[in-house]
Amino acid sequence: MSRDSIASPAAAGASLQPFRDAEEAWFWFVQCRSAQLDGARVTAGKGDTPRPCEPLDILAVVDRLYRRRRLLREHLTVLADYGRQLMPPDPDAPRQMRAARLWEEALAELASPLRDKGIVE
């Protein structure tokens, strides 16, 4: 059976599930990128929960916000570091307070464009 003849859940009529919020989308993106770096193929509409985007769609939003200086290098560092841990920074932990503020700022910037694209509810 050729790869083209396998219908994705989206093509087969399965409804795509947007993310609850930008944080959930970010953690999904980080996991997908990690899997891709390990050799996996990640495609929209495939997987246990069909998503309305591919990881590169989220990366494109982050890139655009960075180029427009809506996200700074500090934001990206915090997103990457805590994204790999799959845990947001703890705003009550003295050593993570600044990271928590940057995390919230970054996710607030991401939320609107992701919502506009139908990636986030």
PDB file of N, CA and C in Angstrom:
ATOM      1  N   MET A   1       0.843  -1.172   0.000  1.00  0.00           N
ATOM      2  CA  MET A   1       0.000   0.000   0.000  1.00  0.00           C
ATOM      3  C   MET A   1       0.888   1.235   0.000  1.00  0.00           C
ATOM      4  N   SER A   2       0.655   2.149  -0.906  1.00  0.00           N
ATOM      5  CA  SER A   2       1.494   3.343  -0.982  1.00  0.00           C
ATOM      6  C   SER A   2       1.145   4.313   0.140  1.00  0.00           C
ATOM      7  N   ARG A   3       2.086   5.176   0.440  1.00  0.00           N
ATOM      8  CA  ARG A   3       1.879   6.156   1.502  1.00  0.00           C
ATOM      9  C   ARG A   3       0.720   7.092   1.160  1.00  0.00           C
ATOM     10  N   ASP A   4       0.538   7.415  -0.127  1.00  0.00           N
ATOM     11  CA  ASP A   4      -0.524   8.324  -0.543  1.00  0.00           C
ATOM     12  C   ASP A   4      -1.913   7.753  -0.313  1.00  0.00           C
ATOM     13  N   SER A   5      -2.032   6.441  -0.243  1.00  0.00           N
ATOM     14  CA  SER A   5      -3.356   5.853  -0.094  1.00  0.00           C
ATOM     15  C   SER A   5      -3.795   5.760   1.360  1.00  0.00           C
ATOM     16  N   ILE A   6      -2.925   6.123   2.300  1.00  0.00           N
ATOM     17  CA  ILE A   6      -3.290   6.103   3.715  1.00  0.00           C
ATOM     18  C   ILE A   6      -3.875   7.454   4.068  1.00  0.00           C
ATOM     19  N   ALA A   7      -5.132   7.455   4.475  1.00  0.00           N
ATOM     20  CA  ALA A   7      -5.803   8.705   4.801  1.00  0.00           C
ATOM     21  C   ALA A   7      -5.472   9.116   6.230  1.00  0.00           C
ATOM     22  N   SER A   8      -5.172  10.390   6.404  1.00  0.00           N
ATOM     23  CA  SER A   8      -4.953  10.913   7.752  1.00  0.00           C
ATOM     24  C   SER A   8      -6.307  11.060   8.434  1.00  0.00           C
ATOM     25  N   PRO A   9      -6.334  11.152   9.767  1.00  0.00           N
ATOM     26  CA  PRO A   9      -7.603  11.357  10.456  1.00  0.00           C
ATOM     27  C   PRO A   9      -8.342  12.591   9.963  1.00  0.00           C
ATOM     28  N   ALA A  10      -7.597  13.643   9.603  1.00  0.00           N
ATOM     29  CA  ALA A  10      -8.242  14.859   9.106  1.00  0.00           C
ATOM     30  C   ALA A  10      -8.962  14.572   7.792  1.00  0.00           C
ATOM     31  N   ALA A  11      -8.310  13.821   6.918  1.00  0.00           N
ATOM     32  CA  ALA A  11      -8.905  13.506   5.625  1.00  0.00           C
ATOM     33  C   ALA A  11     -10.048  12.516   5.777  1.00  0.00           C
ATOM     34  N   ALA A  12      -9.974  11.688   6.802  1.00  0.00           N
ATOM     35  CA  ALA A  12     -11.004  10.681   7.012  1.00  0.00           C
ATOM     36  C   ALA A  12     -12.203  11.234   7.768  1.00  0.00           C
ATOM     37  N   GLY A  13     -12.197  12.524   8.069  1.00  0.00           N
ATOM     38  CA  GLY A  13     -13.344  13.137   8.721  1.00  0.00           C
ATOM     39  C   GLY A  13     -13.181  13.306  10.224  1.00  0.00           C
ATOM     40  N   ALA A  14     -12.058  12.900  10.787  1.00  0.00           N
ATOM     41  CA  ALA A  14     -11.840  13.096  12.215  1.00  0.00           C
ATOM     42  C   ALA A  14     -11.658  14.589  12.476  1.00  0.00           C
ATOM     43  N   SER A  15     -12.225  15.049  13.579  1.00  0.00           N
ATOM     44  CA  SER A  15     -12.104  16.476  13.870  1.00  0.00           C
ATOM     45  C   SER A  15     -10.748  16.765  14.497  1.00  0.00           C
ATOM     46  N   LEU A  16     -10.195  17.891  14.102  1.00  0.00           N
ATOM     47  CA  LEU A  16      -8.913  18.315  14.632  1.00  0.00           C
ATOM     48  C   LEU A  16      -9.139  18.950  15.998  1.00  0.00           C
ATOM     49  N   GLN A  17      -8.235  18.703  16.902  1.00  0.00           N
ATOM     50  CA  GLN A  17      -8.367  19.195  18.268  1.00  0.00           C
ATOM     51  C   GLN A  17      -7.387  20.340  18.521  1.00  0.00           C
ATOM     52  N   PRO A  18      -7.896  21.585  18.596  1.00  0.00           N
ATOM     53  CA  PRO A  18      -6.987  22.681  18.922  1.00  0.00           C
ATOM     54  C   PRO A  18      -6.477  22.536  20.359  1.00  0.00           C
ATOM     55  N   PHE A  19      -5.396  23.199  20.659  1.00  0.00           N
ATOM     56  CA  PHE A  19      -4.830  23.170  22.003  1.00  0.00           C
ATOM     57  C   PHE A  19      -5.653  24.056  22.931  1.00  0.00           C
ATOM     58  N   ARG A  20      -5.637  23.728  24.227  1.00  0.00           N
ATOM     59  CA  ARG A  20      -6.364  24.529  25.224  1.00  0.00           C
ATOM     60  C   ARG A  20      -5.793  25.937  25.314  1.00  0.00           C
ATOM     61  N   ASP A  21      -4.458  26.026  25.281  1.00  0.00           N
ATOM     62  CA  ASP A  21      -3.802  27.320  25.445  1.00  0.00           C
ATOM     63  C   ASP A  21      -2.414  27.277  24.804  1.00  0.00           C
ATOM     64  N   ALA A  22      -1.750  28.410  24.829  1.00  0.00           N
ATOM     65  CA  ALA A  22      -0.425  28.512  24.203  1.00  0.00           C
ATOM     66  C   ALA A  22       0.596  27.627  24.908  1.00  0.00           C
ATOM     67  N   GLU A  23       0.441  27.452  26.201  1.00  0.00           N
ATOM     68  CA  GLU A  23       1.383  26.608  26.941  1.00  0.00           C
ATOM     69  C   GLU A  23       1.306  25.160  26.479  1.00  0.00           C
ATOM     70  N   GLU A  24       0.095  24.634  26.317  1.00  0.00           N
ATOM     71  CA  GLU A  24      -0.058  23.266  25.828  1.00  0.00           C
ATOM     72  C   GLU A  24       0.521  23.133  24.417  1.00  0.00           C
ATOM     73  N   ALA A  25       0.271  24.127  23.575  1.00  0.00           N
ATOM     74  CA  ALA A  25       0.812  24.104  22.216  1.00  0.00           C
ATOM     75  C   ALA A  25       2.338  24.125  22.247  1.00  0.00           C
ATOM     76  N   TRP A  26       2.911  24.913  23.143  1.00  0.00           N
ATOM     77  CA  TRP A  26       4.364  25.005  23.226  1.00  0.00           C
ATOM     78  C   TRP A  26       4.979  23.676  23.659  1.00  0.00           C
ATOM     79  N   PHE A  27       4.408  23.058  24.684  1.00  0.00           N
ATOM     80  CA  PHE A  27       4.944  21.773  25.144  1.00  0.00           C
ATOM     81  C   PHE A  27       4.829  20.714  24.048  1.00  0.00           C
ATOM     82  N   TRP A  28       3.729  20.736  23.291  1.00  0.00           N
ATOM     83  CA  TRP A  28       3.568  19.801  22.172  1.00  0.00           C
ATOM     84  C   TRP A  28       4.647  20.058  21.125  1.00  0.00           C
ATOM     85  N   PHE A  29       4.869  21.342  20.817  1.00  0.00           N
ATOM     86  CA  PHE A  29       5.889  21.711  19.838  1.00  0.00           C
ATOM     87  C   PHE A  29       7.264  21.183  20.262  1.00  0.00           C
ATOM     88  N   VAL A  30       7.633  21.391  21.522  1.00  0.00           N
ATOM     89  CA  VAL A  30       8.942  20.959  22.016  1.00  0.00           C
ATOM     90  C   VAL A  30       9.075  19.439  21.911  1.00  0.00           C
ATOM     91  N   GLN A  31       8.025  18.716  22.265  1.00  0.00           N
ATOM     92  CA  GLN A  31       8.070  17.254  22.166  1.00  0.00           C
ATOM     93  C   GLN A  31       8.190  16.808  20.711  1.00  0.00           C
ATOM     94  N   CYS A  32       7.462  17.457  19.819  1.00  0.00           N
ATOM     95  CA  CYS A  32       7.538  17.112  18.395  1.00  0.00           C
ATOM     96  C   CYS A  32       8.927  17.389  17.832  1.00  0.00           C
ATOM     97  N   ARG A  33       9.486  18.542  18.169  1.00  0.00           N
ATOM     98  CA  ARG A  33      10.829  18.877  17.664  1.00  0.00           C
ATOM     99  C   ARG A  33      11.851  17.887  18.184  1.00  0.00           C
ATOM    100  N   SER A  34      11.717  17.487  19.419  1.00  0.00           N
ATOM    101  CA  SER A  34      12.635  16.499  19.995  1.00  0.00           C
ATOM    102  C   SER A  34      12.508  15.180  19.240  1.00  0.00           C
ATOM    103  N   ALA A  35      11.270  14.771  18.980  1.00  0.00           N
ATOM    104  CA  ALA A  35      11.048  13.527  18.231  1.00  0.00           C
ATOM    105  C   ALA A  35      11.596  13.643  16.811  1.00  0.00           C
ATOM    106  N   GLN A  36      11.408  14.803  16.175  1.00  0.00           N
ATOM    107  CA  GLN A  36      11.921  15.008  14.826  1.00  0.00           C
ATOM    108  C   GLN A  36      13.443  14.932  14.800  1.00  0.00           C
ATOM    109  N   LEU A  37      14.077  15.493  15.799  1.00  0.00           N
ATOM    110  CA  LEU A  37      15.538  15.432  15.859  1.00  0.00           C
ATOM    111  C   LEU A  37      16.025  13.997  16.060  1.00  0.00           C
ATOM    112  N   ASP A  38      15.141  13.165  16.624  1.00  0.00           N
ATOM    113  CA  ASP A  38      15.458  11.742  16.788  1.00  0.00           C
ATOM    114  C   ASP A  38      15.043  10.914  15.567  1.00  0.00           C
ATOM    115  N   GLY A  39      14.516  11.578  14.531  1.00  0.00           N
ATOM    116  CA  GLY A  39      14.203  10.887  13.289  1.00  0.00           C
ATOM    117  C   GLY A  39      12.731  10.649  12.994  1.00  0.00           C
ATOM    118  N   ALA A  40      11.835  11.063  13.888  1.00  0.00           N
ATOM    119  CA  ALA A  40      10.401  10.854  13.659  1.00  0.00           C
ATOM    120  C   ALA A  40       9.863  11.859  12.645  1.00  0.00           C
ATOM    121  N   ARG A  41       8.772  11.486  12.003  1.00  0.00           N
ATOM    122  CA  ARG A  41       8.054  12.407  11.109  1.00  0.00           C
ATOM    123  C   ARG A  41       6.784  12.837  11.819  1.00  0.00           C
ATOM    124  N   VAL A  42       6.559  14.139  11.885  1.00  0.00           N
ATOM    125  CA  VAL A  42       5.379  14.681  12.549  1.00  0.00           C
ATOM    126  C   VAL A  42       4.593  15.447  11.502  1.00  0.00           C
ATOM    127  N   THR A  43       3.300  15.103  11.352  1.00  0.00           N
ATOM    128  CA  THR A  43       2.449  15.708  10.336  1.00  0.00           C
ATOM    129  C   THR A  43       1.123  16.108  10.956  1.00  0.00           C
ATOM    130  N   ALA A  44       0.561  17.217  10.508  1.00  0.00           N
ATOM    131  CA  ALA A  44      -0.738  17.668  11.007  1.00  0.00           C
ATOM    132  C   ALA A  44      -1.803  16.623  10.744  1.00  0.00           C
ATOM    133  N   GLY A  45      -2.689  16.443  11.718  1.00  0.00           N
ATOM    134  CA  GLY A  45      -3.816  15.544  11.553  1.00  0.00           C
ATOM    135  C   GLY A  45      -3.506  14.085  11.812  1.00  0.00           C
ATOM    136  N   LYS A  46      -2.276  13.764  12.161  1.00  0.00           N
ATOM    137  CA  LYS A  46      -1.920  12.376  12.440  1.00  0.00           C
ATOM    138  C   LYS A  46      -1.519  12.264  13.904  1.00  0.00           C
ATOM    139  N   GLY A  47      -1.648  11.099  14.455  1.00  0.00           N
ATOM    140  CA  GLY A  47      -1.300  10.886  15.858  1.00  0.00           C
ATOM    141  C   GLY A  47      -2.535  10.563  16.666  1.00  0.00           C
ATOM    142  N   ASP A  48      -2.337  10.367  17.950  1.00  0.00           N
ATOM    143  CA  ASP A  48      -3.448  10.005  18.835  1.00  0.00           C
ATOM    144  C   ASP A  48      -4.504  11.103  18.897  1.00  0.00           C
ATOM    145  N   THR A  49      -4.052  12.345  18.953  1.00  0.00           N
ATOM    146  CA  THR A  49      -4.951  13.490  18.967  1.00  0.00           C
ATOM    147  C   THR A  49      -4.619  14.345  17.758  1.00  0.00           C
ATOM    148  N   PRO A  50      -5.462  14.323  16.731  1.00  0.00           N
ATOM    149  CA  PRO A  50      -5.161  15.105  15.532  1.00  0.00           C
ATOM    150  C   PRO A  50      -5.141  16.605  15.832  1.00  0.00           C
ATOM    151  N   ARG A  51      -4.035  17.237  15.525  1.00  0.00           N
ATOM    152  CA  ARG A  51      -3.869  18.665  15.804  1.00  0.00           C
ATOM    153  C   ARG A  51      -4.016  19.471  14.514  1.00  0.00           C
ATOM    154  N   PRO A  52      -4.424  20.732  14.635  1.00  0.00           N
ATOM    155  CA  PRO A  52      -4.677  21.561  13.447  1.00  0.00           C
ATOM    156  C   PRO A  52      -3.434  22.202  12.846  1.00  0.00           C
ATOM    157  N   CYS A  53      -2.262  21.716  13.227  1.00  0.00           N
ATOM    158  CA  CYS A  53      -1.041  22.339  12.724  1.00  0.00           C
ATOM    159  C   CYS A  53       0.102  21.339  12.740  1.00  0.00           C
ATOM    160  N   GLU A  54       1.196  21.772  12.166  1.00  0.00           N
ATOM    161  CA  GLU A  54       2.445  21.032  12.255  1.00  0.00           C
ATOM    162  C   GLU A  54       3.367  21.823  13.173  1.00  0.00           C
ATOM    163  N   PRO A  55       4.381  21.190  13.730  1.00  0.00           N
ATOM    164  CA  PRO A  55       5.292  21.919  14.617  1.00  0.00           C
ATOM    165  C   PRO A  55       5.890  23.173  13.964  1.00  0.00           C
ATOM    166  N   LEU A  56       6.157  23.110  12.674  1.00  0.00           N
ATOM    167  CA  LEU A  56       6.737  24.277  12.001  1.00  0.00           C
ATOM    168  C   LEU A  56       5.788  25.476  11.973  1.00  0.00           C
ATOM    169  N   ASP A  57       4.477  25.231  12.084  1.00  0.00           N
ATOM    170  CA  ASP A  57       3.529  26.341  12.142  1.00  0.00           C
ATOM    171  C   ASP A  57       3.747  27.154  13.423  1.00  0.00           C
ATOM    172  N   ILE A  58       3.989  26.461  14.522  1.00  0.00           N
ATOM    173  CA  ILE A  58       4.250  27.150  15.788  1.00  0.00           C
ATOM    174  C   ILE A  58       5.604  27.843  15.734  1.00  0.00           C
ATOM    175  N   LEU A  59       6.585  27.176  15.168  1.00  0.00           N
ATOM    176  CA  LEU A  59       7.907  27.786  15.023  1.00  0.00           C
ATOM    177  C   LEU A  59       7.823  29.055  14.172  1.00  0.00           C
ATOM    178  N   ALA A  60       7.012  29.046  13.132  1.00  0.00           N
ATOM    179  CA  ALA A  60       6.857  30.226  12.271  1.00  0.00           C
ATOM    180  C   ALA A  60       6.272  31.402  13.052  1.00  0.00           C
ATOM    181  N   VAL A  61       5.327  31.129  13.939  1.00  0.00           N
ATOM    182  CA  VAL A  61       4.748  32.197  14.763  1.00  0.00           C
ATOM    183  C   VAL A  61       5.809  32.757  15.705  1.00  0.00           C
ATOM    184  N   VAL A  62       6.572  31.877  16.342  1.00  0.00           N
ATOM    185  CA  VAL A  62       7.637  32.322  17.246  1.00  0.00           C
ATOM    186  C   VAL A  62       8.670  33.145  16.476  1.00  0.00           C
ATOM    187  N   ASP A  63       9.047  32.680  15.314  1.00  0.00           N
ATOM    188  CA  ASP A  63      10.025  33.389  14.494  1.00  0.00           C
ATOM    189  C   ASP A  63       9.521  34.780  14.116  1.00  0.00           C
ATOM    190  N   ARG A  64       8.269  34.856  13.712  1.00  0.00           N
ATOM    191  CA  ARG A  64       7.700  36.151  13.325  1.00  0.00           C
ATOM    192  C   ARG A  64       7.677  37.113  14.518  1.00  0.00           C
ATOM    193  N   LEU A  65       7.281  36.618  15.696  1.00  0.00           N
ATOM    194  CA  LEU A  65       7.260  37.464  16.886  1.00  0.00           C
ATOM    195  C   LEU A  65       8.669  37.914  17.281  1.00  0.00           C
ATOM    196  N   TYR A  66       9.635  37.044  17.092  1.00  0.00           N
ATOM    197  CA  TYR A  66      11.025  37.401  17.402  1.00  0.00           C
ATOM    198  C   TYR A  66      11.544  38.468  16.429  1.00  0.00           C
ATOM    199  N   ARG A  67      11.259  38.284  15.153  1.00  0.00           N
ATOM    200  CA  ARG A  67      11.711  39.265  14.164  1.00  0.00           C
ATOM    201  C   ARG A  67      11.058  40.624  14.363  1.00  0.00           C
ATOM    202  N   ARG A  68       9.842  40.627  14.889  1.00  0.00           N
ATOM    203  CA  ARG A  68       9.144  41.893  15.171  1.00  0.00           C
ATOM    204  C   ARG A  68       9.474  42.430  16.561  1.00  0.00           C
ATOM    205  N   ARG A  69      10.396  41.771  17.235  1.00  0.00           N
ATOM    206  CA  ARG A  69      10.848  42.146  18.576  1.00  0.00           C
ATOM    207  C   ARG A  69       9.739  42.099  19.622  1.00  0.00           C
ATOM    208  N   ARG A  70       8.757  41.243  19.392  1.00  0.00           N
ATOM    209  CA  ARG A  70       7.711  41.008  20.393  1.00  0.00           C
ATOM    210  C   ARG A  70       8.196  39.960  21.397  1.00  0.00           C
ATOM    211  N   LEU A  71       9.081  39.080  20.929  1.00  0.00           N
ATOM    212  CA  LEU A  71       9.767  38.124  21.798  1.00  0.00           C
ATOM    213  C   LEU A  71      11.255  38.435  21.728  1.00  0.00           C
ATOM    214  N   LEU A  72      11.901  38.434  22.869  1.00  0.00           N
ATOM    215  CA  LEU A  72      13.332  38.682  22.944  1.00  0.00           C
ATOM    216  C   LEU A  72      14.078  37.364  23.129  1.00  0.00           C
ATOM    217  N   ARG A  73      15.383  37.428  22.987  1.00  0.00           N
ATOM    218  CA  ARG A  73      16.209  36.231  23.165  1.00  0.00           C
ATOM    219  C   ARG A  73      15.971  35.610  24.544  1.00  0.00           C
ATOM    220  N   GLU A  74      15.783  36.457  25.567  1.00  0.00           N
ATOM    221  CA  GLU A  74      15.505  35.954  26.921  1.00  0.00           C
ATOM    222  C   GLU A  74      14.245  35.096  26.943  1.00  0.00           C
ATOM    223  N   HIS A  75      13.210  35.557  26.236  1.00  0.00           N
ATOM    224  CA  HIS A  75      11.963  34.789  26.166  1.00  0.00           C
ATOM    225  C   HIS A  75      12.217  33.423  25.539  1.00  0.00           C
ATOM    226  N   LEU A  76      12.964  33.427  24.434  1.00  0.00           N
ATOM    227  CA  LEU A  76      13.224  32.173  23.728  1.00  0.00           C
ATOM    228  C   LEU A  76      14.041  31.213  24.586  1.00  0.00           C
ATOM    229  N   THR A  77      14.987  31.748  25.331  1.00  0.00           N
ATOM    230  CA  THR A  77      15.807  30.905  26.211  1.00  0.00           C
ATOM    231  C   THR A  77      14.944  30.241  27.273  1.00  0.00           C
ATOM    232  N   VAL A  78      14.061  31.017  27.887  1.00  0.00           N
ATOM    233  CA  VAL A  78      13.176  30.468  28.923  1.00  0.00           C
ATOM    234  C   VAL A  78      12.214  29.453  28.305  1.00  0.00           C
ATOM    235  N   LEU A  79      11.638  29.779  27.149  1.00  0.00           N
ATOM    236  CA  LEU A  79      10.732  28.832  26.489  1.00  0.00           C
ATOM    237  C   LEU A  79      11.448  27.523  26.183  1.00  0.00           C
ATOM    238  N   ALA A  80      12.670  27.612  25.688  1.00  0.00           N
ATOM    239  CA  ALA A  80      13.417  26.400  25.338  1.00  0.00           C
ATOM    240  C   ALA A  80      13.798  25.613  26.580  1.00  0.00           C
ATOM    241  N   ASP A  81      14.357  26.276  27.579  1.00  0.00           N
ATOM    242  CA  ASP A  81      14.827  25.575  28.774  1.00  0.00           C
ATOM    243  C   ASP A  81      13.688  24.869  29.517  1.00  0.00           C
ATOM    244  N   TYR A  82      12.613  25.592  29.771  1.00  0.00           N
ATOM    245  CA  TYR A  82      11.506  24.994  30.517  1.00  0.00           C
ATOM    246  C   TYR A  82      10.652  24.106  29.627  1.00  0.00           C
ATOM    247  N   GLY A  83      10.639  24.385  28.337  1.00  0.00           N
ATOM    248  CA  GLY A  83       9.921  23.516  27.410  1.00  0.00           C
ATOM    249  C   GLY A  83      10.532  22.124  27.386  1.00  0.00           C
ATOM    250  N   ARG A  84      11.854  22.042  27.390  1.00  0.00           N
ATOM    251  CA  ARG A  84      12.527  20.735  27.422  1.00  0.00           C
ATOM    252  C   ARG A  84      12.222  19.979  28.710  1.00  0.00           C
ATOM    253  N   GLN A  85      11.994  20.716  29.782  1.00  0.00           N
ATOM    254  CA  GLN A  85      11.658  20.080  31.061  1.00  0.00           C
ATOM    255  C   GLN A  85      10.173  19.719  31.134  1.00  0.00           C
ATOM    256  N   LEU A  86       9.394  20.221  30.170  1.00  0.00           N
ATOM    257  CA  LEU A  86       7.939  20.034  30.131  1.00  0.00           C
ATOM    258  C   LEU A  86       7.273  20.507  31.426  1.00  0.00           C
ATOM    259  N   MET A  87       7.823  21.600  31.945  1.00  0.00           N
ATOM    260  CA  MET A  87       7.293  22.192  33.165  1.00  0.00           C
ATOM    261  C   MET A  87       7.523  23.701  33.132  1.00  0.00           C
ATOM    262  N   PRO A  88       6.485  24.480  33.406  1.00  0.00           N
ATOM    263  CA  PRO A  88       6.707  25.928  33.439  1.00  0.00           C
ATOM    264  C   PRO A  88       7.517  26.307  34.679  1.00  0.00           C
ATOM    265  N   PRO A  89       8.181  27.452  34.640  1.00  0.00           N
ATOM    266  CA  PRO A  89       8.903  27.899  35.833  1.00  0.00           C
ATOM    267  C   PRO A  89       7.927  28.193  36.975  1.00  0.00           C
ATOM    268  N   ASP A  90       8.387  27.991  38.183  1.00  0.00           N
ATOM    269  CA  ASP A  90       7.569  28.204  39.382  1.00  0.00           C
ATOM    270  C   ASP A  90       7.700  29.660  39.823  1.00  0.00           C
ATOM    271  N   PRO A  91       6.609  30.441  39.737  1.00  0.00           N
ATOM    272  CA  PRO A  91       6.697  31.861  40.111  1.00  0.00           C
ATOM    273  C   PRO A  91       6.950  32.068  41.602  1.00  0.00           C
ATOM    274  N   ASP A  92       6.738  31.035  42.421  1.00  0.00           N
ATOM    275  CA  ASP A  92       6.953  31.158  43.861  1.00  0.00           C
ATOM    276  C   ASP A  92       8.372  30.779  44.277  1.00  0.00           C
ATOM    277  N   ALA A  93       9.119  30.167  43.379  1.00  0.00           N
ATOM    278  CA  ALA A  93      10.504  29.802  43.677  1.00  0.00           C
ATOM    279  C   ALA A  93      11.392  31.016  43.383  1.00  0.00           C
ATOM    280  N   PRO A  94      12.123  31.502  44.375  1.00  0.00           N
ATOM    281  CA  PRO A  94      12.926  32.718  44.172  1.00  0.00           C
ATOM    282  C   PRO A  94      13.843  32.665  42.951  1.00  0.00           C
ATOM    283  N   ARG A  95      14.432  31.526  42.664  1.00  0.00           N
ATOM    284  CA  ARG A  95      15.354  31.432  41.525  1.00  0.00           C
ATOM    285  C   ARG A  95      14.635  31.365  40.176  1.00  0.00           C
ATOM    286  N   GLN A  96      13.335  31.154  40.194  1.00  0.00           N
ATOM    287  CA  GLN A  96      12.585  31.021  38.943  1.00  0.00           C
ATOM    288  C   GLN A  96      11.613  32.178  38.704  1.00  0.00           C
ATOM    289  N   MET A  97      11.602  33.156  39.594  1.00  0.00           N
ATOM    290  CA  MET A  97      10.637  34.260  39.468  1.00  0.00           C
ATOM    291  C   MET A  97      10.788  35.017  38.150  1.00  0.00           C
ATOM    292  N   ARG A  98      12.007  35.352  37.801  1.00  0.00           N
ATOM    293  CA  ARG A  98      12.233  36.088  36.543  1.00  0.00           C
ATOM    294  C   ARG A  98      11.873  35.225  35.342  1.00  0.00           C
ATOM    295  N   ALA A  99      12.249  33.957  35.387  1.00  0.00           N
ATOM    296  CA  ALA A  99      11.900  33.034  34.306  1.00  0.00           C
ATOM    297  C   ALA A  99      10.388  32.903  34.188  1.00  0.00           C
ATOM    298  N   ALA A 100       9.695  32.874  35.318  1.00  0.00           N
ATOM    299  CA  ALA A 100       8.232  32.759  35.291  1.00  0.00           C
ATOM    300  C   ALA A 100       7.604  33.983  34.630  1.00  0.00           C
ATOM    301  N   ARG A 101       8.153  35.156  34.918  1.00  0.00           N
ATOM    302  CA  ARG A 101       7.633  36.382  34.292  1.00  0.00           C
ATOM    303  C   ARG A 101       7.866  36.352  32.785  1.00  0.00           C
ATOM    304  N   LEU A 102       9.075  35.969  32.369  1.00  0.00           N
ATOM    305  CA  LEU A 102       9.381  35.879  30.941  1.00  0.00           C
ATOM    306  C   LEU A 102       8.520  34.817  30.258  1.00  0.00           C
ATOM    307  N   TRP A 103       8.294  33.694  30.930  1.00  0.00           N
ATOM    308  CA  TRP A 103       7.452  32.609  30.412  1.00  0.00           C
ATOM    309  C   TRP A 103       6.044  33.129  30.140  1.00  0.00           C
ATOM    310  N   GLU A 104       5.473  33.821  31.121  1.00  0.00           N
ATOM    311  CA  GLU A 104       4.110  34.359  30.971  1.00  0.00           C
ATOM    312  C   GLU A 104       4.039  35.401  29.865  1.00  0.00           C
ATOM    313  N   GLU A 105       5.049  36.266  29.778  1.00  0.00           N
ATOM    314  CA  GLU A 105       5.082  37.272  28.710  1.00  0.00           C
ATOM    315  C   GLU A 105       5.125  36.596  27.342  1.00  0.00           C
ATOM    316  N   ALA A 106       5.975  35.594  27.206  1.00  0.00           N
ATOM    317  CA  ALA A 106       6.131  34.909  25.923  1.00  0.00           C
ATOM    318  C   ALA A 106       4.835  34.208  25.522  1.00  0.00           C
ATOM    319  N   LEU A 107       4.217  33.511  26.458  1.00  0.00           N
ATOM    320  CA  LEU A 107       2.977  32.798  26.136  1.00  0.00           C
ATOM    321  C   LEU A 107       1.840  33.771  25.832  1.00  0.00           C
ATOM    322  N   ALA A 108       1.837  34.915  26.495  1.00  0.00           N
ATOM    323  CA  ALA A 108       0.820  35.930  26.195  1.00  0.00           C
ATOM    324  C   ALA A 108       0.994  36.447  24.765  1.00  0.00           C
ATOM    325  N   GLU A 109       2.231  36.625  24.327  1.00  0.00           N
ATOM    326  CA  GLU A 109       2.488  37.064  22.950  1.00  0.00           C
ATOM    327  C   GLU A 109       2.089  35.979  21.944  1.00  0.00           C
ATOM    328  N   LEU A 110       2.326  34.726  22.296  1.00  0.00           N
ATOM    329  CA  LEU A 110       2.011  33.617  21.383  1.00  0.00           C
ATOM    330  C   LEU A 110       0.512  33.360  21.263  1.00  0.00           C
ATOM    331  N   ALA A 111      -0.235  33.601  22.321  1.00  0.00           N
ATOM    332  CA  ALA A 111      -1.640  33.205  22.387  1.00  0.00           C
ATOM    333  C   ALA A 111      -2.480  33.765  21.241  1.00  0.00           C
ATOM    334  N   SER A 112      -2.396  35.051  20.993  1.00  0.00           N
ATOM    335  CA  SER A 112      -3.255  35.672  19.981  1.00  0.00           C
ATOM    336  C   SER A 112      -3.001  35.151  18.564  1.00  0.00           C
ATOM    337  N   PRO A 113      -1.742  35.129  18.098  1.00  0.00           N
ATOM    338  CA  PRO A 113      -1.529  34.602  16.744  1.00  0.00           C
ATOM    339  C   PRO A 113      -1.888  33.120  16.615  1.00  0.00           C
ATOM    340  N   LEU A 114      -1.665  32.355  17.675  1.00  0.00           N
ATOM    341  CA  LEU A 114      -2.038  30.932  17.619  1.00  0.00           C
ATOM    342  C   LEU A 114      -3.558  30.778  17.585  1.00  0.00           C
ATOM    343  N   ARG A 115      -4.256  31.628  18.315  1.00  0.00           N
ATOM    344  CA  ARG A 115      -5.724  31.593  18.304  1.00  0.00           C
ATOM    345  C   ARG A 115      -6.243  32.010  16.924  1.00  0.00           C
ATOM    346  N   ASP A 116      -5.639  33.037  16.345  1.00  0.00           N
ATOM    347  CA  ASP A 116      -6.050  33.513  15.008  1.00  0.00           C
ATOM    348  C   ASP A 116      -5.894  32.412  13.958  1.00  0.00           C
ATOM    349  N   LYS A 117      -4.905  31.557  14.112  1.00  0.00           N
ATOM    350  CA  LYS A 117      -4.660  30.465  13.161  1.00  0.00           C
ATOM    351  C   LYS A 117      -5.481  29.216  13.485  1.00  0.00           C
ATOM    352  N   GLY A 118      -6.238  29.237  14.573  1.00  0.00           N
ATOM    353  CA  GLY A 118      -7.042  28.066  14.943  1.00  0.00           C
ATOM    354  C   GLY A 118      -6.249  26.977  15.625  1.00  0.00           C
ATOM    355  N   ILE A 119      -5.035  27.300  16.056  1.00  0.00           N
ATOM    356  CA  ILE A 119      -4.187  26.314  16.711  1.00  0.00           C
ATOM    357  C   ILE A 119      -4.555  26.200  18.178  1.00  0.00           C
ATOM    358  N   VAL A 120      -4.982  27.310  18.777  1.00  0.00           N
ATOM    359  CA  VAL A 120      -5.378  27.388  20.182  1.00  0.00           C
ATOM    360  C   VAL A 120      -6.851  27.784  20.248  1.00  0.00           C
ATOM    361  N   GLU A 121      -7.553  27.208  21.192  1.00  0.00           N
ATOM    362  CA  GLU A 121      -8.991  27.542  21.359  1.00  0.00           C
ATOM    363  C   GLU A 121      -9.178  28.989  21.764  1.00  0.00           C
TER     364      GLU A 121
END
